[in-house]
Amino acid sequence: MLPSLSIRNGPRRFENLKLGGLDLRPGAAEGSLCRARNLSLEEAPVLRPRAPRQLLGQLEAPGGLFALDALYWVDGDALYRDGSPVATLSTAGEKRMAALGRRLVIFPDKLLYDPAAETLLPLERTVSTACTFADGTFAGEPAEANTVLAADATWDWADAFRVGDAVSISGAAAEENNRSLIVREIEGPALRFYEFSFTLDSTPVTLSLSRSVPDLDWLCACDNRLWGCKGDTVYASKLGDPFNWNVFDGLASDSYAVSAGSAGDFTGCCAYLGYPCFFKEEQICKVYGSRPANFELLSSATRGTAAGAGASFAVADETLFYLSRTGLTAYGGGVPTDVGAVFAGQRFAAGAAGSDGLRYYLSLRSEAGWGLYCYDPRHGVWMQEDETEALAFAFWDGALHCLDTAGRLWRFGGPAAEDAGAEPDAGEDPDPDAGEAPPAEAETDPDAAGPECVESLAEFNDFTERTHDRKSLTRLLLRLELEAGAALDIAVQYDSDGVWHELIELSAPIRRSCLVPVLPRRCDHFRLRLSGRGVWRLLGLARESRVERGLI
């Protein structure tokens, strides 16, 4: 006789389920989310909605956002400082901005705004006027063939150039006079250079004298220099002087330029760990050295930045994050690592990225459209907030600010978001299911959650109870906290049939364990959905099910 098989169809309880972030991979861990909206794990392991945002203003034609001594933004061709227009730019459109000291540099306009003097200066300058080549003086002593003299004796070169500027001269009758030189002295109508710089010519001729700045696709500031890249070439300005990019005097303060000599163009740059770093799709190039004489561009064949993702750089928790061709990437100065496995191989195009110092925010476009995602390196989790298509981010006054392509300027969290005068961000309709309505409280009473209300959604991945047998869900145990006016709707779906069964609607300010009644139903797996309005917290989750072994 063979021993009889004992079959137990008793209840099984799973306690202390670890709450995770967004995970779209098949077979994702229980407790992770397949859909998330306006959620945050900043109080991990507690799951809660993100902090409300404050709408600071609406721009007509957004062009950029930057934080320096104040919050700057571009609307059309106007530059604003803390909401007040301070300058008119050359053109409208998207801008690249960097800070050199307390001065703001703006590309592609090639302009510099100095907040201290409240002036907007062009980095480039070209002057065409009648001139002669003559003898002059240098350091108070007579000098030969070193002067460009304006035929109009009232001309003051100081209006256009400064001592130390690299000036390109063209239009001279003698070809050897058409050259680039560095201005050594300026005295009234005389522009002086080193002795024997020219062939003398006393016949007035119209000369074009220009100080030029290279066209840059991407730029950053590092070690009191402005750095940038265009095509395969890296450029650096003169030390502390963004006006000059062609000064090569053999000094430590000189400008710098070098071609990488490798395939492909640079796709972005940033300053990280004290080094200017330049990225191609398959390379990371870093500039080592302390002065142009010993600058060295060293490259490593590894994951760089995807084309079009040059605005995806941001440093969070001392790590640099960006979008590469293979996905979302973390770079700590060595070998880049992947941090986007939870997206199950989806391909993204990036908008802009920012950081509040601890969390990395990135606007991404997938086949489903745009989404604003947040990554917390401390917990290694991703969350999706909403469908914001961000144009630029800036951290200022203790909070992250975001300018989206629709022209809305937002303040993310921070002390000001709790001010009574803040304009509320009620979020969008979470639309948890095409045929499903949001919670009744949110639909019938839009102001039920108070002046600072966020719509949120958490849909968990399949619960299989770690068994292939059929089972029936008998109870859900949730430890919840709802703040005054908040509402939370809990629903369950069986075997991915697309039908959500409403279990309970909570609207009272509570903090307790909540026993959710469930109509027992046999299933292979089930999903849980929480859709809320206002501030709620999921402190813990457990469920009880009956496993029916041997049944198909």
Protein backbone atom coordinates (compact mmCIF):
# COMPACT_ATOMS: atom_id res chain seq x y z
CA MET A 1 0.00 0.00 0.00
CA LEU A 2 1.28 3.47 -0.92
CA PRO A 3 0.92 6.24 1.66
CA SER A 4 -2.04 8.55 1.10
CA LEU A 5 -1.48 12.13 -0.08
CA SER A 6 -2.52 14.77 2.39
CA ILE A 7 -4.03 17.87 0.72
CA ARG A 8 -4.42 21.00 2.77
CA ASN A 9 -6.63 23.77 1.53
CA GLY A 10 -6.07 26.10 4.47
CA PRO A 11 -5.58 29.84 4.53
CA ARG A 12 -2.14 31.35 4.00
CA ARG A 13 -1.25 34.82 5.28
CA PHE A 14 1.61 36.87 3.92
CA GLU A 15 2.76 39.58 6.30
CA ASN A 16 5.00 42.62 5.97
CA LEU A 17 4.95 42.86 2.22
CA LYS A 18 7.82 45.04 1.02
CA LEU A 19 6.45 47.98 -0.92
CA GLY A 20 8.50 48.75 -4.01
CA GLY A 21 8.51 51.19 -6.89
CA LEU A 22 7.59 50.98 -10.53
CA ASP A 23 8.59 47.67 -12.16
CA LEU A 24 7.27 46.79 -15.63
CA ARG A 25 9.15 43.51 -16.02
CA PRO A 26 7.27 40.22 -16.35
CA GLY A 27 7.40 38.35 -13.07
CA ALA A 28 8.15 41.50 -11.07
CA ALA A 29 8.32 41.11 -7.31
CA GLU A 30 5.09 41.27 -5.33
CA GLY A 31 4.71 44.69 -3.79
CA SER A 32 6.07 46.50 -6.86
CA LEU A 33 3.87 48.60 -9.12
CA CYS A 34 2.93 48.13 -12.76
CA ARG A 35 1.25 51.55 -12.87
CA ALA A 36 1.97 54.58 -10.75
CA ARG A 37 0.82 58.15 -10.81
CA ASN A 38 1.85 60.99 -8.53
CA LEU A 39 3.41 58.66 -5.97
CA SER A 40 6.51 59.04 -3.84
CA LEU A 41 8.75 56.79 -1.76
CA GLU A 42 10.53 59.62 0.01
CA GLU A 43 9.09 58.18 3.25
CA ALA A 44 10.01 54.61 2.24
CA PRO A 45 8.95 52.02 3.09
CA VAL A 46 5.71 54.02 3.32
CA LEU A 47 3.89 54.60 0.03
CA ARG A 48 2.25 58.02 -0.33
CA PRO A 49 1.32 60.63 -2.96
CA ARG A 50 3.98 63.13 -3.97
CA ALA A 51 4.05 66.58 -2.43
CA PRO A 52 1.83 69.18 -4.12
CA ARG A 53 3.35 71.66 -6.53
CA GLN A 54 3.04 75.39 -6.72
CA LEU A 55 2.31 77.05 -10.06
CA LEU A 56 4.49 80.15 -10.18
CA GLY A 57 3.49 81.49 -13.57
CA GLN A 58 2.57 80.91 -17.21
CA LEU A 59 5.02 81.73 -19.99
CA GLU A 60 4.00 82.42 -23.57
CA ALA A 61 7.09 81.05 -25.35
CA PRO A 62 9.31 79.21 -22.84
CA GLY A 63 12.99 79.05 -23.75
CA GLY A 64 14.94 78.03 -20.67
CA LEU A 65 15.32 78.04 -16.90
CA PHE A 66 18.42 78.56 -14.74
CA ALA A 67 19.29 79.27 -11.10
CA LEU A 68 22.13 81.64 -10.22
CA ASP A 69 21.74 84.45 -7.70
CA ALA A 70 18.01 84.26 -8.49
CA LEU A 71 15.72 82.20 -10.67
CA TYR A 72 16.08 83.14 -14.34
CA TRP A 73 13.89 82.12 -17.25
CA VAL A 74 13.46 82.99 -20.91
CA ASP A 75 10.07 83.85 -22.38
CA GLY A 76 10.25 84.63 -26.08
CA ASP A 77 13.23 86.96 -26.44
CA ALA A 78 12.97 88.33 -22.89
CA LEU A 79 15.17 87.29 -19.96
CA TYR A 80 13.40 87.34 -16.59
CA ARG A 81 14.93 87.47 -13.12
CA ASP A 82 12.54 86.41 -10.34
CA GLY A 83 9.59 87.39 -12.52
CA SER A 84 10.88 90.77 -13.69
CA PRO A 85 12.20 91.32 -17.24
CA VAL A 86 15.86 92.38 -17.15
CA ALA A 87 17.10 92.07 -20.75
CA THR A 88 16.09 91.45 -24.35
CA LEU A 89 17.91 88.61 -26.10
CA SER A 90 18.89 88.38 -29.76
CA THR A 91 16.41 85.64 -30.60
CA ALA A 92 13.59 83.57 -29.14
CA GLY A 93 13.73 79.79 -28.79
CA GLU A 94 15.39 77.20 -26.57
CA LYS A 95 18.54 78.36 -24.77
CA ARG A 96 21.61 76.73 -23.23
CA MET A 97 22.76 78.53 -20.10
CA ALA A 98 25.73 78.26 -17.76
CA ALA A 99 27.14 80.30 -14.89
CA LEU A 100 30.68 81.60 -14.73
CA GLY A 101 31.06 83.10 -11.29
CA ARG A 102 28.01 85.31 -10.81
CA ARG A 103 27.54 85.91 -14.54
CA LEU A 104 25.02 84.15 -16.74
CA VAL A 105 26.09 82.99 -20.20
CA ILE A 106 23.38 82.37 -22.80
CA PHE A 107 23.76 80.36 -26.03
CA PRO A 108 23.15 80.28 -28.96
CA ASP A 109 22.76 84.07 -28.59
CA LYS A 110 26.33 84.30 -27.23
CA LEU A 111 25.36 86.82 -24.59
CA LEU A 112 26.45 87.43 -21.01
CA TYR A 113 24.20 88.92 -18.35
CA ASP A 114 25.91 90.50 -15.34
CA PRO A 115 23.44 90.84 -12.44
CA ALA A 116 25.76 93.12 -10.47
CA ALA A 117 25.95 95.71 -13.26
CA GLU A 118 22.54 94.78 -14.69
CA THR A 119 24.04 94.70 -18.19
CA LEU A 120 23.68 92.34 -21.14
CA LEU A 121 26.90 92.08 -23.16
CA PRO A 122 27.64 90.29 -26.45
CA LEU A 123 30.44 87.74 -26.26
CA GLU A 124 31.29 88.39 -29.91
CA ARG A 125 32.07 91.78 -31.42
CA THR A 126 32.86 92.89 -34.97
CA VAL A 127 33.92 96.41 -36.01
CA SER A 128 34.43 97.63 -39.58
CA THR A 129 36.10 101.02 -39.96
CA ALA A 130 38.77 102.84 -41.97
CA CYS A 131 42.21 102.17 -40.46
CA THR A 132 45.94 102.45 -41.12
CA PHE A 133 48.89 100.42 -39.88
CA ALA A 134 51.43 102.61 -38.10
CA ASP A 135 54.22 102.81 -35.55
CA GLY A 136 53.24 103.51 -31.97
CA THR A 137 54.28 102.86 -28.40
CA PHE A 138 54.28 99.91 -26.03
CA ALA A 139 54.62 100.17 -22.25
CA GLY A 140 55.42 103.85 -22.68
CA GLU A 141 58.31 103.22 -25.10
CA PRO A 142 58.39 103.76 -28.88
CA ALA A 143 57.50 100.64 -30.88
CA GLU A 144 57.49 99.89 -34.58
CA ALA A 145 54.68 98.42 -36.70
CA ASN A 146 52.45 97.57 -33.78
CA THR A 147 49.42 99.87 -34.14
CA VAL A 148 46.09 99.78 -35.91
CA LEU A 149 44.99 103.40 -36.02
CA ALA A 150 41.39 104.38 -36.71
CA ALA A 151 41.16 107.00 -39.45
CA ASP A 152 38.38 108.63 -37.43
CA ALA A 153 40.39 109.97 -34.53
CA THR A 154 37.28 110.07 -32.31
CA TRP A 155 36.89 106.30 -32.33
CA ASP A 156 37.39 104.63 -28.95
CA TRP A 157 38.30 100.96 -29.31
CA ALA A 158 37.41 100.38 -25.66
CA ASP A 159 33.77 100.47 -26.74
CA ALA A 160 34.36 97.23 -28.65
CA PHE A 161 37.47 95.49 -27.32
CA ARG A 162 39.48 95.11 -24.14
CA VAL A 163 43.15 94.57 -23.42
CA GLY A 164 43.78 90.83 -23.70
CA ASP A 165 41.14 90.19 -26.37
CA ALA A 166 42.06 87.98 -29.32
CA VAL A 167 41.14 89.98 -32.44
CA SER A 168 40.97 88.67 -35.99
CA ILE A 169 41.89 91.27 -38.64
CA SER A 170 40.75 91.04 -42.26
CA GLY A 171 40.48 93.38 -45.24
CA ALA A 172 44.11 94.62 -45.26
CA ALA A 173 45.85 95.18 -48.59
CA ALA A 174 48.96 93.36 -47.36
CA GLU A 175 47.97 89.73 -46.84
CA GLU A 176 50.38 89.31 -43.92
CA ASN A 177 48.38 91.90 -41.97
CA ASN A 178 45.27 89.70 -42.10
CA ARG A 179 45.87 87.68 -38.97
CA SER A 180 44.71 87.03 -35.39
CA LEU A 181 46.49 88.88 -32.60
CA ILE A 182 46.00 89.75 -28.95
CA VAL A 183 45.33 93.34 -28.00
CA ARG A 184 48.06 94.61 -25.65
CA GLU A 185 47.05 98.26 -25.18
CA ILE A 186 44.18 100.57 -26.13
CA GLU A 187 44.74 104.30 -26.32
CA GLY A 188 42.05 106.44 -27.95
CA PRO A 189 41.94 105.63 -31.69
CA ALA A 190 45.02 103.36 -31.42
CA LEU A 191 44.85 99.60 -30.94
CA ARG A 192 48.32 98.39 -29.98
CA PHE A 193 49.91 94.95 -30.34
CA TYR A 194 53.44 93.57 -29.95
CA GLU A 195 56.18 95.27 -31.96
CA PHE A 196 56.61 94.26 -35.62
CA SER A 197 53.17 92.72 -35.79
CA PHE A 198 52.33 94.40 -39.14
CA THR A 199 53.64 95.64 -42.44
CA LEU A 200 53.28 99.43 -42.36
CA ASP A 201 50.64 100.93 -44.64
CA SER A 202 49.57 104.54 -44.23
CA THR A 203 46.79 104.29 -46.82
CA PRO A 204 43.39 104.14 -45.07
CA VAL A 205 41.54 100.90 -45.79
CA THR A 206 38.34 99.49 -44.32
CA LEU A 207 39.30 96.73 -41.90
CA SER A 208 37.08 94.21 -40.17
CA LEU A 209 38.21 93.46 -36.63
CA SER A 210 36.33 90.75 -34.77
CA ARG A 211 36.38 88.85 -31.49
CA SER A 212 34.71 85.48 -32.16
CA VAL A 213 33.20 82.72 -30.03
CA PRO A 214 32.70 79.18 -31.37
CA ASP A 215 29.22 77.86 -31.96
CA LEU A 216 28.51 75.40 -29.15
CA ASP A 217 25.87 72.68 -29.01
CA TRP A 218 26.41 72.05 -25.28
CA LEU A 219 28.20 73.99 -22.58
CA CYS A 220 29.11 73.86 -18.89
CA ALA A 221 31.36 75.70 -16.44
CA CYS A 222 34.26 74.11 -14.58
CA ASP A 223 37.32 75.52 -12.77
CA ASN A 224 36.55 79.15 -13.74
CA ARG A 225 36.35 78.33 -17.43
CA LEU A 226 33.44 77.94 -19.77
CA TRP A 227 33.61 74.62 -21.64
CA GLY A 228 31.64 73.51 -24.67
CA CYS A 229 31.55 71.16 -27.61
CA LYS A 230 30.58 71.27 -31.25
CA GLY A 231 30.83 68.26 -33.53
CA ASP A 232 34.02 66.40 -32.55
CA THR A 233 35.77 69.39 -30.95
CA VAL A 234 36.06 70.46 -27.32
CA TYR A 235 36.54 74.15 -26.50
CA ALA A 236 37.46 76.05 -23.35
CA SER A 237 37.42 79.80 -22.80
CA LYS A 238 40.22 81.87 -21.38
CA LEU A 239 40.44 81.55 -17.60
CA GLY A 240 37.60 83.56 -16.09
CA ASP A 241 36.88 85.22 -19.45
CA PRO A 242 33.97 83.84 -21.53
CA PHE A 243 34.59 86.57 -24.15
CA ASN A 244 37.81 84.98 -25.40
CA TRP A 245 38.23 81.52 -26.93
CA ASN A 246 41.25 82.13 -29.19
CA VAL A 247 43.91 83.41 -26.79
CA PHE A 248 47.02 81.23 -27.12
CA ASP A 249 49.83 83.08 -25.32
CA GLY A 250 51.47 80.06 -23.72
CA LEU A 251 50.08 81.03 -20.31
CA ALA A 252 48.05 79.09 -17.76
CA SER A 253 45.11 81.41 -18.49
CA ASP A 254 44.97 80.58 -22.23
CA SER A 255 42.02 79.27 -24.15
CA TYR A 256 41.96 75.63 -25.24
CA ALA A 257 40.61 73.57 -28.14
CA VAL A 258 41.12 69.97 -29.15
CA SER A 259 39.54 67.48 -31.51
CA ALA A 260 38.70 64.09 -30.02
CA GLY A 261 39.49 62.32 -33.29
CA SER A 262 36.95 59.56 -32.74
CA ALA A 263 33.79 58.58 -34.59
CA GLY A 264 30.62 60.54 -34.00
CA ASP A 265 29.77 63.94 -32.58
CA PHE A 266 29.51 64.89 -28.96
CA THR A 267 25.96 64.51 -27.62
CA GLY A 268 26.32 66.39 -24.32
CA CYS A 269 28.65 67.69 -21.64
CA CYS A 270 28.62 68.48 -17.92
CA ALA A 271 30.99 69.17 -15.05
CA TYR A 272 31.24 66.22 -12.66
CA LEU A 273 33.60 65.56 -9.74
CA GLY A 274 35.68 68.61 -10.70
CA TYR A 275 36.25 67.56 -14.32
CA PRO A 276 34.62 68.69 -17.57
CA CYS A 277 33.12 65.54 -19.08
CA PHE A 278 32.06 65.19 -22.73
CA PHE A 279 29.85 62.41 -24.01
CA LYS A 280 29.35 60.67 -27.31
CA GLU A 281 26.93 57.80 -27.79
CA GLU A 282 29.65 55.21 -27.25
CA GLN A 283 32.31 57.22 -25.43
CA ILE A 284 32.93 59.28 -22.33
CA CYS A 285 35.74 61.83 -22.62
CA LYS A 286 37.18 63.58 -19.57
CA VAL A 287 39.62 66.51 -19.54
CA TYR A 288 42.46 66.11 -17.04
CA GLY A 289 45.01 68.75 -16.12
CA SER A 290 45.24 72.16 -14.48
CA ARG A 291 46.25 74.42 -17.40
CA PRO A 292 46.18 74.26 -21.21
CA ALA A 293 49.81 73.11 -21.37
CA ASN A 294 48.94 69.86 -19.59
CA PHE A 295 45.25 69.47 -20.50
CA GLU A 296 44.61 65.96 -21.77
CA LEU A 297 41.37 64.61 -23.23
CA LEU A 298 41.11 60.94 -22.26
CA SER A 299 38.26 58.79 -23.51
CA SER A 300 36.81 55.44 -22.55
CA ALA A 301 34.73 53.26 -24.84
CA THR A 302 31.60 52.88 -22.75
CA ARG A 303 27.97 53.98 -22.59
CA GLY A 304 27.71 57.66 -23.34
CA THR A 305 24.68 59.85 -23.88
CA ALA A 306 22.08 59.07 -26.50
CA ALA A 307 21.73 61.54 -29.35
CA GLY A 308 19.20 64.19 -28.36
CA ALA A 309 19.54 63.41 -24.65
CA GLY A 310 22.12 66.03 -23.77
CA ALA A 311 19.71 67.68 -21.33
CA SER A 312 19.26 64.45 -19.32
CA PHE A 313 22.27 65.08 -17.04
CA ALA A 314 21.68 65.62 -13.34
CA VAL A 315 23.55 64.68 -10.17
CA ALA A 316 21.58 63.03 -7.37
CA ASP A 317 23.12 61.58 -4.23
CA GLU A 318 26.60 62.33 -5.68
CA THR A 319 25.94 60.18 -8.79
CA LEU A 320 25.53 61.44 -12.35
CA PHE A 321 22.45 60.13 -14.19
CA TYR A 322 21.62 60.38 -17.88
CA LEU A 323 19.92 58.55 -20.76
CA SER A 324 22.18 56.38 -22.92
CA ARG A 325 21.35 54.35 -26.02
CA THR A 326 20.82 51.29 -23.84
CA GLY A 327 18.63 52.99 -21.27
CA LEU A 328 18.84 54.95 -18.04
CA THR A 329 22.39 55.06 -16.72
CA ALA A 330 24.27 55.96 -13.54
CA TYR A 331 27.88 57.16 -13.70
CA GLY A 332 30.08 57.49 -10.65
CA GLY A 333 33.33 58.27 -12.45
CA GLY A 334 34.20 54.68 -13.37
CA VAL A 335 32.11 52.26 -15.41
CA PRO A 336 28.49 53.33 -16.02
CA THR A 337 25.78 51.04 -14.67
CA ASP A 338 22.19 50.46 -15.72
CA VAL A 339 19.42 51.75 -13.45
CA GLY A 340 16.51 51.34 -15.86
CA ALA A 341 15.98 47.58 -15.87
CA VAL A 342 12.52 48.06 -14.35
CA PHE A 343 11.32 49.55 -17.66
CA ALA A 344 11.67 46.16 -19.35
CA GLY A 345 13.75 47.31 -22.30
CA GLN A 346 11.55 50.22 -23.36
CA ARG A 347 13.21 52.77 -25.61
CA PHE A 348 12.97 56.39 -24.57
CA ALA A 349 13.66 59.83 -25.91
CA ALA A 350 14.61 62.31 -23.21
CA GLY A 351 13.42 65.78 -22.50
CA ALA A 352 15.12 67.47 -19.56
CA ALA A 353 16.38 66.29 -16.17
CA GLY A 354 16.92 67.86 -12.77
CA SER A 355 17.71 66.97 -9.19
CA ASP A 356 16.85 68.20 -5.72
CA GLY A 357 20.12 66.71 -4.49
CA LEU A 358 18.65 63.37 -3.43
CA ARG A 359 16.24 62.42 -6.22
CA TYR A 360 16.64 62.41 -10.01
CA TYR A 361 13.75 63.74 -12.11
CA LEU A 362 13.60 62.98 -15.82
CA SER A 363 11.03 63.74 -18.49
CA LEU A 364 10.87 60.80 -20.91
CA ARG A 365 8.96 60.05 -24.09
CA SER A 366 8.00 56.47 -24.85
CA GLU A 367 5.59 54.98 -27.38
CA ALA A 368 2.79 55.76 -24.92
CA GLY A 369 3.75 59.44 -24.72
CA TRP A 370 5.55 61.70 -22.27
CA GLY A 371 6.01 60.97 -18.60
CA LEU A 372 7.82 62.60 -15.68
CA TYR A 373 9.71 59.96 -13.70
CA CYS A 374 11.53 60.20 -10.39
CA TYR A 375 14.39 57.93 -9.29
CA ASP A 376 15.50 57.69 -5.67
CA PRO A 377 19.08 56.30 -5.52
CA ARG A 378 18.82 55.71 -1.76
CA HIS A 379 16.09 53.12 -2.27
CA GLY A 380 16.80 52.18 -5.89
CA VAL A 381 13.20 52.75 -7.01
CA TRP A 382 11.46 54.58 -9.87
CA MET A 383 8.09 56.31 -9.73
CA GLN A 384 6.07 58.02 -12.42
CA GLU A 385 4.52 61.31 -11.38
CA ASP A 386 2.48 62.51 -14.37
CA GLU A 387 2.68 63.32 -18.10
CA THR A 388 4.70 66.53 -17.80
CA GLU A 389 6.93 67.27 -20.79
CA ALA A 390 9.70 69.24 -19.12
CA LEU A 391 11.84 71.79 -20.92
CA ALA A 392 14.26 72.62 -18.08
CA PHE A 393 14.83 72.19 -14.34
CA ALA A 394 16.59 74.37 -11.78
CA PHE A 395 17.13 74.00 -8.05
CA TRP A 396 16.58 77.27 -6.21
CA ASP A 397 15.48 78.42 -2.76
CA GLY A 398 15.39 74.91 -1.31
CA ALA A 399 13.18 73.36 -3.99
CA LEU A 400 13.35 72.01 -7.52
CA HIS A 401 11.67 74.15 -10.18
CA CYS A 402 10.41 72.88 -13.53
CA LEU A 403 9.51 74.73 -16.73
CA ASP A 404 7.41 72.58 -19.06
CA THR A 405 6.93 72.94 -22.80
CA ALA A 406 3.45 74.39 -22.22
CA GLY A 407 5.09 77.34 -20.45
CA ARG A 408 4.04 76.50 -16.91
CA LEU A 409 6.62 77.20 -14.21
CA TRP A 410 6.28 74.83 -11.23
CA ARG A 411 7.85 74.62 -7.81
CA PHE A 412 8.21 71.00 -6.66
CA GLY A 413 7.60 70.54 -2.94
CA GLY A 414 9.72 72.65 -0.62
CA PRO A 415 8.42 75.01 2.08
CA ALA A 416 6.63 77.36 -0.31
CA ALA A 417 4.42 74.57 -1.63
CA GLU A 418 2.68 74.49 1.75
CA ASP A 419 1.86 78.20 1.75
CA ALA A 420 -1.80 79.01 1.91
CA GLY A 421 -1.46 81.29 -1.08
CA ALA A 422 -0.02 78.58 -3.33
CA GLU A 423 -2.03 77.86 -6.42
CA PRO A 424 -2.98 74.17 -6.10
CA ASP A 425 -1.89 71.40 -8.41
CA ALA A 426 -4.88 69.09 -8.40
CA GLY A 427 -3.23 66.73 -10.85
CA GLU A 428 -5.00 65.04 -13.72
CA ASP A 429 -7.70 62.41 -13.64
CA PRO A 430 -5.80 59.21 -12.87
CA ASP A 431 -7.98 57.27 -15.33
CA PRO A 432 -7.21 53.94 -13.65
CA ASP A 433 -9.29 52.06 -16.21
CA ALA A 434 -10.98 53.05 -19.44
CA GLY A 435 -14.41 52.03 -18.24
CA GLU A 436 -13.94 53.04 -14.66
CA ALA A 437 -14.66 56.33 -12.86
CA PRO A 438 -12.46 57.88 -10.13
CA PRO A 439 -13.59 57.67 -6.52
CA ALA A 440 -17.02 59.09 -5.88
CA GLU A 441 -15.72 61.74 -3.51
CA ALA A 442 -13.31 63.10 -6.12
CA GLU A 443 -16.02 63.20 -8.78
CA THR A 444 -18.87 64.71 -6.81
CA ASP A 445 -16.93 67.07 -4.61
CA PRO A 446 -13.79 68.42 -6.36
CA ASP A 447 -12.76 70.41 -3.29
CA ALA A 448 -13.16 67.57 -0.82
CA ALA A 449 -9.42 67.12 -0.43
CA GLY A 450 -8.76 70.74 0.45
CA PRO A 451 -6.72 73.38 -1.36
CA GLU A 452 -3.64 71.17 -1.89
CA CYS A 453 -4.93 68.04 -3.53
CA VAL A 454 -3.12 65.49 -5.72
CA GLU A 455 -4.76 62.69 -7.68
CA SER A 456 -2.79 59.46 -7.25
CA LEU A 457 -2.85 55.87 -8.45
CA ALA A 458 -1.02 52.73 -7.35
CA GLU A 459 -1.61 49.49 -9.25
CA PHE A 460 0.39 46.55 -7.91
CA ASN A 461 1.88 43.79 -10.02
CA ASP A 462 0.32 40.34 -9.97
CA PHE A 463 0.01 38.62 -6.62
CA THR A 464 0.61 34.89 -7.14
CA GLU A 465 1.16 33.92 -3.49
CA ARG A 466 4.32 32.18 -4.75
CA THR A 467 2.39 29.12 -5.86
CA HIS A 468 1.12 27.81 -9.19
CA ASP A 469 -2.01 26.36 -7.62
CA ARG A 470 -5.40 27.97 -7.83
CA LYS A 471 -6.28 30.13 -4.88
CA SER A 472 -8.99 32.44 -3.63
CA LEU A 473 -8.38 35.81 -1.97
CA THR A 474 -10.25 35.97 1.31
CA ARG A 475 -9.01 39.09 3.10
CA LEU A 476 -6.86 42.16 2.58
CA LEU A 477 -5.23 43.85 5.54
CA LEU A 478 -4.01 47.39 4.93
CA ARG A 479 -2.58 49.74 7.50
CA LEU A 480 -3.55 53.18 6.23
CA GLU A 481 -3.36 56.79 7.22
CA LEU A 482 -5.65 59.35 5.60
CA GLU A 483 -5.35 63.05 6.30
CA ALA A 484 -8.44 65.22 6.63
CA GLY A 485 -10.48 65.33 3.43
CA ALA A 486 -8.55 62.57 1.65
CA ALA A 487 -10.33 59.77 -0.21
CA LEU A 488 -9.07 56.33 -1.21
CA ASP A 489 -10.70 53.74 -3.45
CA ILE A 490 -9.49 50.09 -3.26
CA ALA A 491 -10.25 47.63 -6.08
CA VAL A 492 -9.13 44.15 -7.16
CA GLN A 493 -8.85 42.42 -10.54
CA TYR A 494 -8.70 38.65 -11.07
CA ASP A 495 -6.69 36.80 -13.71
CA SER A 496 -6.04 39.95 -15.77
CA ASP A 497 -9.60 39.95 -17.11
CA GLY A 498 -9.70 43.75 -17.26
CA VAL A 499 -12.59 44.08 -14.80
CA TRP A 500 -11.96 45.94 -11.57
CA HIS A 501 -14.13 45.01 -8.58
CA GLU A 502 -14.57 47.82 -6.09
CA LEU A 503 -13.86 46.64 -2.56
CA ILE A 504 -14.15 49.72 -0.37
CA GLU A 505 -14.10 53.51 -0.45
CA LEU A 506 -12.46 55.31 2.45
CA SER A 507 -12.89 58.99 3.17
CA ALA A 508 -12.56 59.43 6.95
CA PRO A 509 -9.38 60.78 8.56
CA ILE A 510 -8.02 57.53 9.99
CA ARG A 511 -4.81 55.80 10.92
CA ARG A 512 -5.47 52.19 11.61
CA SER A 513 -5.40 48.71 10.15
CA CYS A 514 -8.19 48.42 7.63
CA LEU A 515 -9.79 45.04 6.97
CA VAL A 516 -11.02 45.04 3.38
CA PRO A 517 -13.87 42.64 2.64
CA VAL A 518 -13.34 40.43 -0.42
CA LEU A 519 -15.80 38.08 -2.10
CA PRO A 520 -13.77 34.82 -2.34
CA ARG A 521 -13.08 33.89 -5.94
CA ARG A 522 -10.82 31.24 -7.37
CA CYS A 523 -8.02 32.66 -9.52
CA ASP A 524 -4.50 32.08 -10.66
CA HIS A 525 -3.41 35.62 -9.78
CA PHE A 526 -4.91 38.96 -8.86
CA ARG A 527 -4.03 42.64 -8.83
CA LEU A 528 -4.70 45.40 -6.33
CA ARG A 529 -5.37 49.04 -7.17
CA LEU A 530 -5.45 52.07 -4.91
CA SER A 531 -6.69 55.34 -6.40
CA GLY A 532 -6.82 58.34 -4.12
CA ARG A 533 -7.25 62.05 -3.78
CA GLY A 534 -5.41 64.04 -1.17
CA VAL A 535 -2.78 62.83 1.27
CA TRP A 536 -2.85 59.17 2.26
CA ARG A 537 -0.20 56.70 3.35
CA LEU A 538 0.03 52.96 2.93
CA LEU A 539 2.02 51.84 5.97
CA GLY A 540 1.71 48.10 5.49
CA LEU A 541 -0.05 45.47 3.41
CA ALA A 542 -0.94 41.85 4.06
CA ARG A 543 -3.46 39.52 2.42
CA GLU A 544 -4.98 36.19 3.26
CA SER A 545 -5.85 33.61 0.63
CA ARG A 546 -6.93 30.00 0.49
CA VAL A 547 -4.78 27.78 -1.71
CA GLU A 548 -6.66 24.97 -3.43
CA ARG A 549 -4.02 22.40 -4.21
CA GLY A 550 -4.55 19.88 -6.89
CA LEU A 551 -7.31 21.94 -8.56
CA ILE A 552 -6.90 23.42 -12.02
